[in-house]
Amino acid sequence: MAMDLSNIPDLGSRQLLAVLAIADYGSFIAAAAFLKTSQPALTRTIKRIEDVLGVSLFERTTRRVQLTPAGREFVAVAERVLNDLRISVRSMRDLADQQRGQVIVAAIESVANGLLPRIIAEYHIARPAIELRVREGVHGAVLEDIRSAVADLGITFVDELPDTIAMVPLGREVFHAVMPRQHRLAPSRGVTMKQIAREPLVSLPNDSRTRRTIDAAASKQGITLQHAVTVTQLATVMSFVRAGLGVAIVPAGATAGFNTDGLKTLPIIGPTLSRNLELITLKERGLTPAAIGISTLIRSVSSIGRD
């Protein structure tokens, strides 16, 4: 079958890099300095790209250059194309042993702190020439990294997925209660949601999926939790609990990656609170040998905070 070239824009890697530089710096002047070109030349380059695409990529304001919605989509594509090109060139140069390349893994914060460090360490020992990048973030950010092909693999908990995403179950991530060692509940072997409801909580924001999971479980039992203090990072949750501000409900994996001195971690019982974790990839994007290797290692891990 003949290749259809009618819808392929005539753009080169230098032009893609120009768009990324302006997006990063938010300034034509700064981007031109980085690219070692003049501002008028860079302006002409962007004008030509916009003409080829038929859309505006940037909005110019008096203080800063900002991406348009079309520009944000194009930046994601440009990053993917340049990254894949760089990896492919590197792979071709060392095709004999396939030991070079780059793997980008996107993961929710509890997994990035709990599960991934030992997996990444094991993988790095086996294939030290592979460049590894981990992008930790909330569920939505992980999903977007895979959807836009910024990351090769993602680890997150999944409710519903677009048809373009493939997933492999990894197991259940359970939640634990964390409290100061001197807390009155600390001597227990486990705590119920009803017991936790009597305590002030240090919590993540109410728009986070972790918080929604916790609140939904409480609501199912007819319980209202006391969210006394809200912070945005799990590390801050641990610090506030250590300071005696309250109890926290966190994914089990999170406790492995933070300093737990002075803290007591207890399982939540009657019933257990958990969520399903999945390894996700973009269906239309084949994995590199390096990405397949780390995917296999992640899938072989026997326990991810399972009860």
C-alpha atoms as a PDB file:
ATOM      1  CA  MET A   1       0.000   0.000   0.000  1.00  0.00           C
ATOM      2  CA  ALA A   2       1.393   3.417  -1.005  1.00  0.00           C
ATOM      3  CA  MET A   3       2.170   5.868   1.775  1.00  0.00           C
ATOM      4  CA  ASP A   4      -0.276   8.781   2.006  1.00  0.00           C
ATOM      5  CA  LEU A   5       1.775  11.971   2.301  1.00  0.00           C
ATOM      6  CA  SER A   6      -1.093  14.393   1.790  1.00  0.00           C
ATOM      7  CA  ASN A   7      -1.690  15.147   5.495  1.00  0.00           C
ATOM      8  CA  ILE A   8       1.913  15.105   6.741  1.00  0.00           C
ATOM      9  CA  PRO A   9       3.109  18.670   7.525  1.00  0.00           C
ATOM     10  CA  ASP A  10       6.504  19.701   6.169  1.00  0.00           C
ATOM     11  CA  LEU A  11       8.194  20.391   9.508  1.00  0.00           C
ATOM     12  CA  GLY A  12      11.693  19.575  10.709  1.00  0.00           C
ATOM     13  CA  SER A  13      13.153  18.829  14.107  1.00  0.00           C
ATOM     14  CA  ARG A  14      14.661  22.333  14.421  1.00  0.00           C
ATOM     15  CA  GLN A  15      11.204  23.826  13.958  1.00  0.00           C
ATOM     16  CA  LEU A  16       9.724  21.514  16.602  1.00  0.00           C
ATOM     17  CA  LEU A  17      12.542  22.488  18.944  1.00  0.00           C
ATOM     18  CA  ALA A  18      11.763  26.172  18.339  1.00  0.00           C
ATOM     19  CA  VAL A  19       8.172  25.664  19.495  1.00  0.00           C
ATOM     20  CA  LEU A  20       9.312  23.771  22.609  1.00  0.00           C
ATOM     21  CA  ALA A  21      11.872  26.457  23.486  1.00  0.00           C
ATOM     22  CA  ILE A  22       9.280  29.250  23.367  1.00  0.00           C
ATOM     23  CA  ALA A  23       6.834  27.130  25.379  1.00  0.00           C
ATOM     24  CA  ASP A  24       9.520  26.504  28.037  1.00  0.00           C
ATOM     25  CA  TYR A  25      10.848  30.065  28.287  1.00  0.00           C
ATOM     26  CA  GLY A  26       7.582  31.940  27.660  1.00  0.00           C
ATOM     27  CA  SER A  27       9.586  34.465  25.681  1.00  0.00           C
ATOM     28  CA  PHE A  28      10.779  34.799  22.083  1.00  0.00           C
ATOM     29  CA  ILE A  29      13.896  36.675  23.255  1.00  0.00           C
ATOM     30  CA  ALA A  30      14.944  34.004  25.761  1.00  0.00           C
ATOM     31  CA  ALA A  31      14.118  31.173  23.358  1.00  0.00           C
ATOM     32  CA  ALA A  32      16.124  32.836  20.571  1.00  0.00           C
ATOM     33  CA  ALA A  33      19.137  33.125  22.891  1.00  0.00           C
ATOM     34  CA  PHE A  34      18.821  29.455  23.829  1.00  0.00           C
ATOM     35  CA  LEU A  35      18.563  28.419  20.174  1.00  0.00           C
ATOM     36  CA  LYS A  36      21.446  30.759  19.200  1.00  0.00           C
ATOM     37  CA  THR A  37      19.359  32.589  16.637  1.00  0.00           C
ATOM     38  CA  SER A  38      17.825  36.045  16.297  1.00  0.00           C
ATOM     39  CA  GLN A  39      14.363  36.970  17.508  1.00  0.00           C
ATOM     40  CA  PRO A  40      13.158  37.996  14.006  1.00  0.00           C
ATOM     41  CA  ALA A  41      14.371  34.675  12.587  1.00  0.00           C
ATOM     42  CA  LEU A  42      12.585  32.760  15.352  1.00  0.00           C
ATOM     43  CA  THR A  43       9.404  34.795  14.771  1.00  0.00           C
ATOM     44  CA  ARG A  44       9.537  33.882  11.058  1.00  0.00           C
ATOM     45  CA  THR A  45      10.015  30.212  11.935  1.00  0.00           C
ATOM     46  CA  ILE A  46       6.939  30.174  14.183  1.00  0.00           C
ATOM     47  CA  LYS A  47       4.908  32.059  11.570  1.00  0.00           C
ATOM     48  CA  ARG A  48       5.805  29.422   8.975  1.00  0.00           C
ATOM     49  CA  ILE A  49       4.883  26.569  11.359  1.00  0.00           C
ATOM     50  CA  GLU A  50       1.536  28.210  12.141  1.00  0.00           C
ATOM     51  CA  ASP A  51       0.908  28.688   8.404  1.00  0.00           C
ATOM     52  CA  VAL A  52       1.668  25.015   7.706  1.00  0.00           C
ATOM     53  CA  LEU A  53      -0.588  23.856  10.559  1.00  0.00           C
ATOM     54  CA  GLY A  54      -3.306  26.426   9.935  1.00  0.00           C
ATOM     55  CA  VAL A  55      -3.579  27.303  13.646  1.00  0.00           C
ATOM     56  CA  SER A  56      -2.059  29.782  16.098  1.00  0.00           C
ATOM     57  CA  LEU A  57       0.270  28.172  18.622  1.00  0.00           C
ATOM     58  CA  PHE A  58       0.962  31.159  20.865  1.00  0.00           C
ATOM     59  CA  GLU A  59      -0.883  34.112  22.374  1.00  0.00           C
ATOM     60  CA  ARG A  60       1.333  37.178  22.773  1.00  0.00           C
ATOM     61  CA  THR A  61       0.713  39.369  25.816  1.00  0.00           C
ATOM     62  CA  THR A  62       2.710  42.337  27.088  1.00  0.00           C
ATOM     63  CA  ARG A  63       4.490  40.215  29.693  1.00  0.00           C
ATOM     64  CA  ARG A  64       4.614  36.656  28.450  1.00  0.00           C
ATOM     65  CA  VAL A  65       3.997  34.366  25.507  1.00  0.00           C
ATOM     66  CA  GLN A  66       1.407  31.692  26.311  1.00  0.00           C
ATOM     67  CA  LEU A  67       0.328  28.557  24.474  1.00  0.00           C
ATOM     68  CA  THR A  68      -3.081  28.404  22.840  1.00  0.00           C
ATOM     69  CA  PRO A  69      -5.110  25.181  23.312  1.00  0.00           C
ATOM     70  CA  ALA A  70      -3.858  24.069  19.879  1.00  0.00           C
ATOM     71  CA  GLY A  71      -0.337  24.997  20.966  1.00  0.00           C
ATOM     72  CA  ARG A  72      -0.548  22.773  24.058  1.00  0.00           C
ATOM     73  CA  GLU A  73      -1.600  19.833  21.900  1.00  0.00           C
ATOM     74  CA  PHE A  74       1.209  20.514  19.427  1.00  0.00           C
ATOM     75  CA  VAL A  75       3.831  20.781  22.198  1.00  0.00           C
ATOM     76  CA  ALA A  76       2.835  17.308  23.443  1.00  0.00           C
ATOM     77  CA  VAL A  77       3.230  15.934  19.913  1.00  0.00           C
ATOM     78  CA  ALA A  78       6.547  17.748  19.360  1.00  0.00           C
ATOM     79  CA  GLU A  79       7.973  16.383  22.641  1.00  0.00           C
ATOM     80  CA  ARG A  80       6.945  12.880  21.665  1.00  0.00           C
ATOM     81  CA  VAL A  81       8.370  13.110  18.129  1.00  0.00           C
ATOM     82  CA  LEU A  82      11.709  14.574  19.226  1.00  0.00           C
ATOM     83  CA  ASN A  83      12.004  12.159  22.142  1.00  0.00           C
ATOM     84  CA  ASP A  84      11.233   9.157  19.933  1.00  0.00           C
ATOM     85  CA  LEU A  85      13.672  10.418  17.294  1.00  0.00           C
ATOM     86  CA  ARG A  86      16.428  10.823  19.866  1.00  0.00           C
ATOM     87  CA  ILE A  87      15.793   7.362  21.301  1.00  0.00           C
ATOM     88  CA  SER A  88      15.656   5.796  17.835  1.00  0.00           C
ATOM     89  CA  VAL A  89      18.945   7.372  16.773  1.00  0.00           C
ATOM     90  CA  ARG A  90      20.590   6.247  19.988  1.00  0.00           C
ATOM     91  CA  SER A  91      19.160   2.748  19.592  1.00  0.00           C
ATOM     92  CA  MET A  92      20.402   2.470  16.019  1.00  0.00           C
ATOM     93  CA  ARG A  93      23.882   3.446  17.129  1.00  0.00           C
ATOM     94  CA  ASP A  94      23.913   0.649  19.676  1.00  0.00           C
ATOM     95  CA  LEU A  95      21.531  -1.879  18.107  1.00  0.00           C
ATOM     96  CA  ALA A  96      23.850  -4.835  18.719  1.00  0.00           C
ATOM     97  CA  ASP A  97      23.162  -5.100  22.445  1.00  0.00           C
ATOM     98  CA  GLN A  98      20.055  -2.900  22.745  1.00  0.00           C
ATOM     99  CA  GLN A  99      21.368  -1.600  26.033  1.00  0.00           C
ATOM    100  CA  ARG A 100      20.826   2.088  25.400  1.00  0.00           C
ATOM    101  CA  GLY A 101      17.719   4.216  25.352  1.00  0.00           C
ATOM    102  CA  GLN A 102      15.389   6.020  27.679  1.00  0.00           C
ATOM    103  CA  VAL A 103      12.375   4.929  29.681  1.00  0.00           C
ATOM    104  CA  ILE A 104       9.889   7.416  31.144  1.00  0.00           C
ATOM    105  CA  VAL A 105       7.566   6.077  33.835  1.00  0.00           C
ATOM    106  CA  ALA A 106       4.657   8.143  35.145  1.00  0.00           C
ATOM    107  CA  ALA A 107       3.305   7.107  38.547  1.00  0.00           C
ATOM    108  CA  ILE A 108       1.019   8.318  41.287  1.00  0.00           C
ATOM    109  CA  GLU A 109       2.965   9.673  44.248  1.00  0.00           C
ATOM    110  CA  SER A 110       2.397   6.728  46.607  1.00  0.00           C
ATOM    111  CA  VAL A 111       3.782   4.296  44.011  1.00  0.00           C
ATOM    112  CA  ALA A 112       6.662   6.589  43.045  1.00  0.00           C
ATOM    113  CA  ASN A 113       7.723   6.689  46.699  1.00  0.00           C
ATOM    114  CA  GLY A 114       6.843   3.134  47.701  1.00  0.00           C
ATOM    115  CA  LEU A 115       7.045   0.607  44.868  1.00  0.00           C
ATOM    116  CA  LEU A 116       9.269   2.184  42.251  1.00  0.00           C
ATOM    117  CA  PRO A 117      12.591   2.925  44.009  1.00  0.00           C
ATOM    118  CA  ARG A 118      13.614  -0.724  44.421  1.00  0.00           C
ATOM    119  CA  ILE A 119      12.376  -1.613  40.927  1.00  0.00           C
ATOM    120  CA  ILE A 120      14.262   1.282  39.350  1.00  0.00           C
ATOM    121  CA  ALA A 121      17.372   0.380  41.372  1.00  0.00           C
ATOM    122  CA  GLU A 122      17.203  -3.266  40.253  1.00  0.00           C
ATOM    123  CA  TYR A 123      16.665  -2.276  36.632  1.00  0.00           C
ATOM    124  CA  HIS A 124      19.519   0.244  36.703  1.00  0.00           C
ATOM    125  CA  ILE A 125      21.953  -2.384  37.984  1.00  0.00           C
ATOM    126  CA  ALA A 126      20.971  -4.725  35.134  1.00  0.00           C
ATOM    127  CA  ARG A 127      20.995  -2.024  32.413  1.00  0.00           C
ATOM    128  CA  PRO A 128      23.055   0.935  33.625  1.00  0.00           C
ATOM    129  CA  ALA A 129      23.170   2.636  30.194  1.00  0.00           C
ATOM    130  CA  ILE A 130      19.398   3.153  30.117  1.00  0.00           C
ATOM    131  CA  GLU A 131      18.320   6.677  31.052  1.00  0.00           C
ATOM    132  CA  LEU A 132      15.417   6.453  33.494  1.00  0.00           C
ATOM    133  CA  ARG A 133      12.937   9.239  34.217  1.00  0.00           C
ATOM    134  CA  VAL A 134      10.081   9.085  36.724  1.00  0.00           C
ATOM    135  CA  ARG A 135       7.251  11.610  36.547  1.00  0.00           C
ATOM    136  CA  GLU A 136       5.271  11.476  39.778  1.00  0.00           C
ATOM    137  CA  GLY A 137       1.899  13.159  39.936  1.00  0.00           C
ATOM    138  CA  VAL A 138      -1.809  12.799  40.596  1.00  0.00           C
ATOM    139  CA  HIS A 139      -3.931  10.251  38.736  1.00  0.00           C
ATOM    140  CA  GLY A 140      -5.032  12.730  36.076  1.00  0.00           C
ATOM    141  CA  ALA A 141      -1.449  13.780  35.318  1.00  0.00           C
ATOM    142  CA  VAL A 142      -0.332  10.139  34.940  1.00  0.00           C
ATOM    143  CA  LEU A 143      -3.219   9.417  32.580  1.00  0.00           C
ATOM    144  CA  GLU A 144      -2.413  12.528  30.517  1.00  0.00           C
ATOM    145  CA  ASP A 145       1.285  11.578  30.313  1.00  0.00           C
ATOM    146  CA  ILE A 146       0.276   8.267  28.728  1.00  0.00           C
ATOM    147  CA  ARG A 147      -2.465   9.725  26.532  1.00  0.00           C
ATOM    148  CA  SER A 148      -0.061  12.310  25.089  1.00  0.00           C
ATOM    149  CA  ALA A 149       2.800   9.750  24.895  1.00  0.00           C
ATOM    150  CA  VAL A 150       5.079  11.839  27.115  1.00  0.00           C
ATOM    151  CA  ALA A 151       5.664   8.685  29.209  1.00  0.00           C
ATOM    152  CA  ASP A 152       6.175   5.095  28.060  1.00  0.00           C
ATOM    153  CA  LEU A 153       4.474   3.462  31.039  1.00  0.00           C
ATOM    154  CA  GLY A 154       2.122   4.627  33.752  1.00  0.00           C
ATOM    155  CA  ILE A 155       1.162   3.219  37.144  1.00  0.00           C
ATOM    156  CA  THR A 156      -2.074   4.490  38.620  1.00  0.00           C
ATOM    157  CA  PHE A 157      -5.438   3.391  39.951  1.00  0.00           C
ATOM    158  CA  VAL A 158      -8.103   3.203  37.296  1.00  0.00           C
ATOM    159  CA  ASP A 159     -11.851   3.757  37.254  1.00  0.00           C
ATOM    160  CA  GLU A 160     -12.491   4.247  33.557  1.00  0.00           C
ATOM    161  CA  LEU A 161     -10.024   4.457  30.677  1.00  0.00           C
ATOM    162  CA  PRO A 162     -10.186   5.822  27.135  1.00  0.00           C
ATOM    163  CA  ASP A 163     -10.164   3.175  24.399  1.00  0.00           C
ATOM    164  CA  THR A 164      -6.667   4.308  23.418  1.00  0.00           C
ATOM    165  CA  ILE A 165      -5.175   3.102  26.733  1.00  0.00           C
ATOM    166  CA  ALA A 166      -4.212  -0.497  27.483  1.00  0.00           C
ATOM    167  CA  MET A 167      -3.956  -1.723  31.074  1.00  0.00           C
ATOM    168  CA  VAL A 168      -2.558  -4.655  33.031  1.00  0.00           C
ATOM    169  CA  PRO A 169      -3.767  -5.234  36.620  1.00  0.00           C
ATOM    170  CA  LEU A 170      -1.001  -5.004  39.222  1.00  0.00           C
ATOM    171  CA  GLY A 171      -2.990  -5.711  42.364  1.00  0.00           C
ATOM    172  CA  ARG A 172      -4.697  -3.789  45.135  1.00  0.00           C
ATOM    173  CA  GLU A 173      -3.193  -0.862  46.988  1.00  0.00           C
ATOM    174  CA  VAL A 174      -4.568  -0.770  50.532  1.00  0.00           C
ATOM    175  CA  PHE A 175      -4.825   2.281  52.765  1.00  0.00           C
ATOM    176  CA  HIS A 176      -3.395   2.544  56.263  1.00  0.00           C
ATOM    177  CA  ALA A 177      -3.939   4.947  59.144  1.00  0.00           C
ATOM    178  CA  VAL A 178      -0.852   6.875  60.276  1.00  0.00           C
ATOM    179  CA  MET A 179      -0.606   8.533  63.678  1.00  0.00           C
ATOM    180  CA  PRO A 180       1.993   9.627  66.246  1.00  0.00           C
ATOM    181  CA  ARG A 181       3.414   6.718  68.280  1.00  0.00           C
ATOM    182  CA  GLN A 182       1.996   8.212  71.448  1.00  0.00           C
ATOM    183  CA  HIS A 183      -1.541   8.417  70.033  1.00  0.00           C
ATOM    184  CA  ARG A 184      -4.191   6.604  72.076  1.00  0.00           C
ATOM    185  CA  LEU A 185      -5.032   4.321  69.102  1.00  0.00           C
ATOM    186  CA  ALA A 186      -1.370   3.413  68.434  1.00  0.00           C
ATOM    187  CA  PRO A 187      -1.367   0.257  70.650  1.00  0.00           C
ATOM    188  CA  SER A 188      -4.190  -1.239  68.533  1.00  0.00           C
ATOM    189  CA  ARG A 189      -3.590  -3.911  65.873  1.00  0.00           C
ATOM    190  CA  GLY A 190      -5.929  -2.119  63.489  1.00  0.00           C
ATOM    191  CA  VAL A 191      -8.457   0.701  63.378  1.00  0.00           C
ATOM    192  CA  THR A 192     -11.927   1.068  61.878  1.00  0.00           C
ATOM    193  CA  MET A 193     -13.236   4.008  59.910  1.00  0.00           C
ATOM    194  CA  LYS A 194     -15.616   4.737  62.806  1.00  0.00           C
ATOM    195  CA  GLN A 195     -12.647   5.099  65.161  1.00  0.00           C
ATOM    196  CA  ILE A 196     -10.834   7.326  62.654  1.00  0.00           C
ATOM    197  CA  ALA A 197     -13.967   9.491  62.284  1.00  0.00           C
ATOM    198  CA  ARG A 198     -13.564  10.575  65.914  1.00  0.00           C
ATOM    199  CA  GLU A 199     -10.092  11.979  65.190  1.00  0.00           C
ATOM    200  CA  PRO A 200      -9.018  15.171  63.395  1.00  0.00           C
ATOM    201  CA  LEU A 201      -7.510  14.242  60.016  1.00  0.00           C
ATOM    202  CA  VAL A 202      -4.574  15.573  58.037  1.00  0.00           C
ATOM    203  CA  SER A 203      -5.807  15.142  54.466  1.00  0.00           C
ATOM    204  CA  LEU A 204      -5.074  15.745  50.808  1.00  0.00           C
ATOM    205  CA  PRO A 205      -7.298  18.216  48.879  1.00  0.00           C
ATOM    206  CA  ASN A 206     -10.910  17.207  48.295  1.00  0.00           C
ATOM    207  CA  ASP A 207     -10.402  17.229  44.513  1.00  0.00           C
ATOM    208  CA  SER A 208      -7.705  14.530  44.671  1.00  0.00           C
ATOM    209  CA  ARG A 209      -8.664  10.959  43.761  1.00  0.00           C
ATOM    210  CA  THR A 210      -7.106   9.660  47.001  1.00  0.00           C
ATOM    211  CA  ARG A 211      -9.316  11.963  49.086  1.00  0.00           C
ATOM    212  CA  ARG A 212     -12.379  11.023  47.021  1.00  0.00           C
ATOM    213  CA  THR A 213     -11.683   7.323  47.565  1.00  0.00           C
ATOM    214  CA  ILE A 214     -11.418   7.848  51.327  1.00  0.00           C
ATOM    215  CA  ASP A 215     -14.529  10.040  51.552  1.00  0.00           C
ATOM    216  CA  ALA A 216     -16.545   7.618  49.424  1.00  0.00           C
ATOM    217  CA  ALA A 217     -15.594   4.706  51.702  1.00  0.00           C
ATOM    218  CA  ALA A 218     -16.603   6.701  54.776  1.00  0.00           C
ATOM    219  CA  SER A 219     -19.883   7.790  53.187  1.00  0.00           C
ATOM    220  CA  LYS A 220     -20.682   4.169  52.332  1.00  0.00           C
ATOM    221  CA  GLN A 221     -20.477   3.391  56.055  1.00  0.00           C
ATOM    222  CA  GLY A 222     -22.558   6.446  56.963  1.00  0.00           C
ATOM    223  CA  ILE A 223     -19.534   8.208  58.441  1.00  0.00           C
ATOM    224  CA  THR A 224     -18.435  11.838  58.137  1.00  0.00           C
ATOM    225  CA  LEU A 225     -14.697  12.393  58.550  1.00  0.00           C
ATOM    226  CA  GLN A 226     -13.153  15.436  60.280  1.00  0.00           C
ATOM    227  CA  HIS A 227     -10.729  16.909  57.726  1.00  0.00           C
ATOM    228  CA  ALA A 228      -8.990  19.311  60.098  1.00  0.00           C
ATOM    229  CA  VAL A 229      -5.937  20.211  58.007  1.00  0.00           C
ATOM    230  CA  THR A 230      -5.565  19.953  54.215  1.00  0.00           C
ATOM    231  CA  VAL A 231      -2.163  19.840  52.465  1.00  0.00           C
ATOM    232  CA  THR A 232      -1.134  19.002  48.910  1.00  0.00           C
ATOM    233  CA  GLN A 233       1.793  16.569  49.301  1.00  0.00           C
ATOM    234  CA  LEU A 234       2.094  13.211  51.043  1.00  0.00           C
ATOM    235  CA  ALA A 235       5.425  14.265  52.556  1.00  0.00           C
ATOM    236  CA  THR A 236       3.659  17.208  54.198  1.00  0.00           C
ATOM    237  CA  VAL A 237       0.918  14.889  55.457  1.00  0.00           C
ATOM    238  CA  MET A 238       3.570  12.837  57.285  1.00  0.00           C
ATOM    239  CA  SER A 239       5.201  15.935  58.773  1.00  0.00           C
ATOM    240  CA  PHE A 240       1.900  17.310  60.059  1.00  0.00           C
ATOM    241  CA  VAL A 241       0.921  13.968  61.600  1.00  0.00           C
ATOM    242  CA  ARG A 242       4.322  13.761  63.296  1.00  0.00           C
ATOM    243  CA  ALA A 243       3.675  17.241  64.743  1.00  0.00           C
ATOM    244  CA  GLY A 244       0.519  15.899  66.409  1.00  0.00           C
ATOM    245  CA  LEU A 245      -2.067  17.680  64.266  1.00  0.00           C
ATOM    246  CA  GLY A 246      -4.072  14.538  63.648  1.00  0.00           C
ATOM    247  CA  VAL A 247      -4.349  11.120  62.007  1.00  0.00           C
ATOM    248  CA  ALA A 248      -3.944  10.496  58.262  1.00  0.00           C
ATOM    249  CA  ILE A 249      -5.284   7.861  55.889  1.00  0.00           C
ATOM    250  CA  VAL A 250      -2.640   7.143  53.243  1.00  0.00           C
ATOM    251  CA  PRO A 251      -1.896   4.490  50.611  1.00  0.00           C
ATOM    252  CA  ALA A 252       0.269   1.738  52.085  1.00  0.00           C
ATOM    253  CA  GLY A 253       3.006   2.344  49.532  1.00  0.00           C
ATOM    254  CA  ALA A 254       3.385   5.932  50.655  1.00  0.00           C
ATOM    255  CA  THR A 255       4.747   4.991  54.068  1.00  0.00           C
ATOM    256  CA  ALA A 256       7.669   3.120  52.488  1.00  0.00           C
ATOM    257  CA  GLY A 257       9.055   6.234  50.867  1.00  0.00           C
ATOM    258  CA  PHE A 258       8.926   8.695  53.762  1.00  0.00           C
ATOM    259  CA  ASN A 259      10.511   9.112  57.147  1.00  0.00           C
ATOM    260  CA  THR A 260       8.205   7.328  59.593  1.00  0.00           C
ATOM    261  CA  ASP A 261      10.218   7.999  62.760  1.00  0.00           C
ATOM    262  CA  GLY A 262       7.822   8.758  65.582  1.00  0.00           C
ATOM    263  CA  LEU A 263       4.854   7.441  63.620  1.00  0.00           C
ATOM    264  CA  LYS A 264       2.710   4.318  63.941  1.00  0.00           C
ATOM    265  CA  THR A 265       1.034   2.756  60.893  1.00  0.00           C
ATOM    266  CA  LEU A 266      -2.051   0.593  61.389  1.00  0.00           C
ATOM    267  CA  PRO A 267      -4.211  -1.309  58.892  1.00  0.00           C
ATOM    268  CA  ILE A 268      -7.772  -0.148  58.413  1.00  0.00           C
ATOM    269  CA  ILE A 269     -10.142  -2.986  59.255  1.00  0.00           C
ATOM    270  CA  GLY A 270     -13.819  -3.794  58.977  1.00  0.00           C
ATOM    271  CA  PRO A 271     -13.725  -3.409  55.986  1.00  0.00           C
ATOM    272  CA  THR A 272     -10.316  -2.904  54.368  1.00  0.00           C
ATOM    273  CA  LEU A 273     -10.003   0.263  52.293  1.00  0.00           C
ATOM    274  CA  SER A 274      -8.240  -0.311  48.959  1.00  0.00           C
ATOM    275  CA  ARG A 275      -8.109   0.544  45.254  1.00  0.00           C
ATOM    276  CA  ASN A 276      -6.927  -1.334  42.154  1.00  0.00           C
ATOM    277  CA  LEU A 277      -3.599  -0.418  40.600  1.00  0.00           C
ATOM    278  CA  GLU A 278      -2.907  -0.808  36.888  1.00  0.00           C
ATOM    279  CA  LEU A 279       0.063  -0.594  34.557  1.00  0.00           C
ATOM    280  CA  ILE A 280      -1.110   1.536  31.622  1.00  0.00           C
ATOM    281  CA  THR A 281       0.312   2.148  28.135  1.00  0.00           C
ATOM    282  CA  LEU A 282      -0.796   3.823  24.908  1.00  0.00           C
ATOM    283  CA  LYS A 283      -2.148   1.142  22.551  1.00  0.00           C
ATOM    284  CA  GLU A 284      -0.917   2.773  19.361  1.00  0.00           C
ATOM    285  CA  ARG A 285       2.656   3.212  20.608  1.00  0.00           C
ATOM    286  CA  GLY A 286       4.892   0.155  20.625  1.00  0.00           C
ATOM    287  CA  LEU A 287       7.227  -0.147  23.587  1.00  0.00           C
ATOM    288  CA  THR A 288      10.988   0.030  23.104  1.00  0.00           C
ATOM    289  CA  PRO A 289      13.083  -2.958  24.289  1.00  0.00           C
ATOM    290  CA  ALA A 290      14.122  -0.886  27.326  1.00  0.00           C
ATOM    291  CA  ALA A 291      10.502  -0.086  28.208  1.00  0.00           C
ATOM    292  CA  ILE A 292       9.478  -3.725  27.762  1.00  0.00           C
ATOM    293  CA  GLY A 293      12.220  -4.699  30.207  1.00  0.00           C
ATOM    294  CA  ILE A 294      11.035  -2.413  32.979  1.00  0.00           C
ATOM    295  CA  SER A 295       7.387  -3.285  32.262  1.00  0.00           C
ATOM    296  CA  THR A 296       8.184  -6.962  32.783  1.00  0.00           C
ATOM    297  CA  LEU A 297       9.991  -6.167  36.040  1.00  0.00           C
ATOM    298  CA  ILE A 298       7.065  -4.110  37.362  1.00  0.00           C
ATOM    299  CA  ARG A 299       4.589  -6.876  36.506  1.00  0.00           C
ATOM    300  CA  SER A 300       6.732  -9.496  38.217  1.00  0.00           C
ATOM    301  CA  VAL A 301       6.569  -7.710  41.568  1.00  0.00           C
ATOM    302  CA  SER A 302       4.401  -9.942  43.726  1.00  0.00           C
ATOM    303  CA  SER A 303       3.014  -7.369  46.168  1.00  0.00           C
ATOM    304  CA  ILE A 304       1.967  -3.731  45.887  1.00  0.00           C
ATOM    305  CA  GLY A 305       0.574  -2.952  49.309  1.00  0.00           C
ATOM    306  CA  ARG A 306      -1.845  -5.877  49.072  1.00  0.00           C
ATOM    307  CA  ASP A 307      -3.684  -6.980  52.162  1.00  0.00           C
END
